Amino acid sequence: MTEVSQLERENLEVHVDKCELRYQQMTDKLEDIDTQFEKIDHRFDRIDERMDRIETDLKKGHTQLIVALVTATATIIAAFVGIIAVLV
């Protein structure tokens, strides 16, 4: 925090001018912070979209794996049935 000068204490115009500068600096800093938060929010939105795509891909992959396992199991069972039919 800046110290108040003697001139500022004694002269209202100087005080008002310095206050205007201080408030402008605060406003600029707050706008910069707001801009940074918007960027962060945008990045989180992109991460969320990517996570959704990954989840969808995993679910599709999981479904494909189940289909492959069921197909392989059915093939093995059919082979055993065929062997048993040949033996009987």
Protein backbone atom coordinates (compact mmCIF):
# COMPACT_ATOMS: atom_id res chain seq x y z
CA MET A 1 0.00 0.00 0.00
CA THR A 2 1.28 3.45 -0.85
CA GLU A 3 1.83 6.02 1.80
CA VAL A 4 -0.13 9.22 1.67
CA SER A 5 2.14 12.19 1.09
CA GLN A 6 1.91 15.41 3.03
CA LEU A 7 0.88 17.19 -0.17
CA GLU A 8 -1.98 14.75 -0.63
CA ARG A 9 -3.05 15.29 2.99
CA GLU A 10 -3.13 19.04 2.54
CA ASN A 11 -4.52 19.33 -0.98
CA LEU A 12 -7.89 17.77 -1.82
CA GLU A 13 -7.31 18.00 -5.58
CA VAL A 14 -4.07 16.03 -5.31
CA HIS A 15 -5.83 13.49 -3.13
CA VAL A 16 -8.70 13.11 -5.61
CA ASP A 17 -6.27 12.74 -8.53
CA LYS A 18 -4.24 10.10 -6.70
CA CYS A 19 -7.40 8.25 -5.69
CA GLU A 20 -8.53 8.23 -9.30
CA LEU A 21 -5.20 6.68 -10.30
CA ARG A 22 -5.43 4.12 -7.49
CA TYR A 23 -8.96 3.12 -8.45
CA GLN A 24 -7.97 2.86 -12.11
CA GLN A 25 -5.06 0.59 -11.16
CA MET A 26 -7.37 -1.56 -9.03
CA THR A 27 -9.90 -1.74 -11.86
CA ASP A 28 -7.18 -2.75 -14.32
CA LYS A 29 -5.91 -5.46 -11.96
CA LEU A 30 -9.43 -6.78 -11.38
CA GLU A 31 -10.04 -6.88 -15.13
CA ASP A 32 -6.78 -8.80 -15.58
CA ILE A 33 -7.85 -11.26 -12.89
CA ASP A 34 -11.26 -11.63 -14.54
CA THR A 35 -9.57 -12.31 -17.89
CA GLN A 36 -7.36 -14.96 -16.30
CA PHE A 37 -10.38 -16.63 -14.69
CA GLU A 38 -12.17 -16.67 -18.05
CA LYS A 39 -9.14 -18.38 -19.60
CA ILE A 40 -9.04 -20.92 -16.77
CA ASP A 41 -12.78 -21.53 -17.12
CA HIS A 42 -12.37 -22.07 -20.86
CA ARG A 43 -9.56 -24.56 -20.22
CA PHE A 44 -11.69 -26.46 -17.71
CA ASP A 45 -14.52 -26.59 -20.26
CA ARG A 46 -12.13 -28.10 -22.82
CA ILE A 47 -10.85 -30.60 -20.25
CA ASP A 48 -14.44 -31.54 -19.40
CA GLU A 49 -15.23 -32.08 -23.09
CA ARG A 50 -12.15 -34.27 -23.49
CA MET A 51 -13.06 -36.29 -20.40
CA ASP A 52 -16.55 -36.86 -21.84
CA ARG A 53 -15.02 -38.06 -25.11
CA ILE A 54 -12.64 -40.36 -23.25
CA GLU A 55 -15.53 -41.76 -21.20
CA THR A 56 -17.56 -42.36 -24.36
CA ASP A 57 -14.60 -44.03 -26.04
CA LEU A 58 -14.01 -46.24 -23.01
CA LYS A 59 -17.66 -47.27 -22.94
CA LYS A 60 -17.56 -48.07 -26.65
CA GLY A 61 -14.32 -49.98 -26.16
CA HIS A 62 -15.82 -51.83 -23.20
CA THR A 63 -18.87 -52.79 -25.28
CA GLN A 64 -16.64 -53.96 -28.13
CA LEU A 65 -14.61 -56.04 -25.68
CA ILE A 66 -17.77 -57.70 -24.32
CA VAL A 67 -18.94 -58.45 -27.88
CA ALA A 68 -15.54 -59.97 -28.70
CA LEU A 69 -15.61 -62.10 -25.52
CA VAL A 70 -19.16 -63.31 -26.19
CA THR A 71 -18.23 -64.16 -29.78
CA ALA A 72 -15.12 -66.04 -28.67
CA THR A 73 -17.09 -67.91 -26.00
CA ALA A 74 -19.81 -68.83 -28.51
CA THR A 75 -17.15 -70.09 -30.92
CA ILE A 76 -15.55 -72.25 -28.22
CA ILE A 77 -18.94 -73.67 -27.16
CA ALA A 78 -19.84 -74.38 -30.80
CA ALA A 79 -16.52 -76.18 -31.24
CA PHE A 80 -17.15 -78.33 -28.13
CA VAL A 81 -20.68 -79.12 -29.32
CA GLY A 82 -19.25 -80.08 -32.68
CA ILE A 83 -16.64 -82.33 -31.08
CA ILE A 84 -19.24 -83.97 -28.82
CA ALA A 85 -21.56 -84.48 -31.80
CA VAL A 86 -18.75 -86.15 -33.76
CA LEU A 87 -17.84 -88.39 -30.81
CA VAL A 88 -21.43 -89.51 -30.19
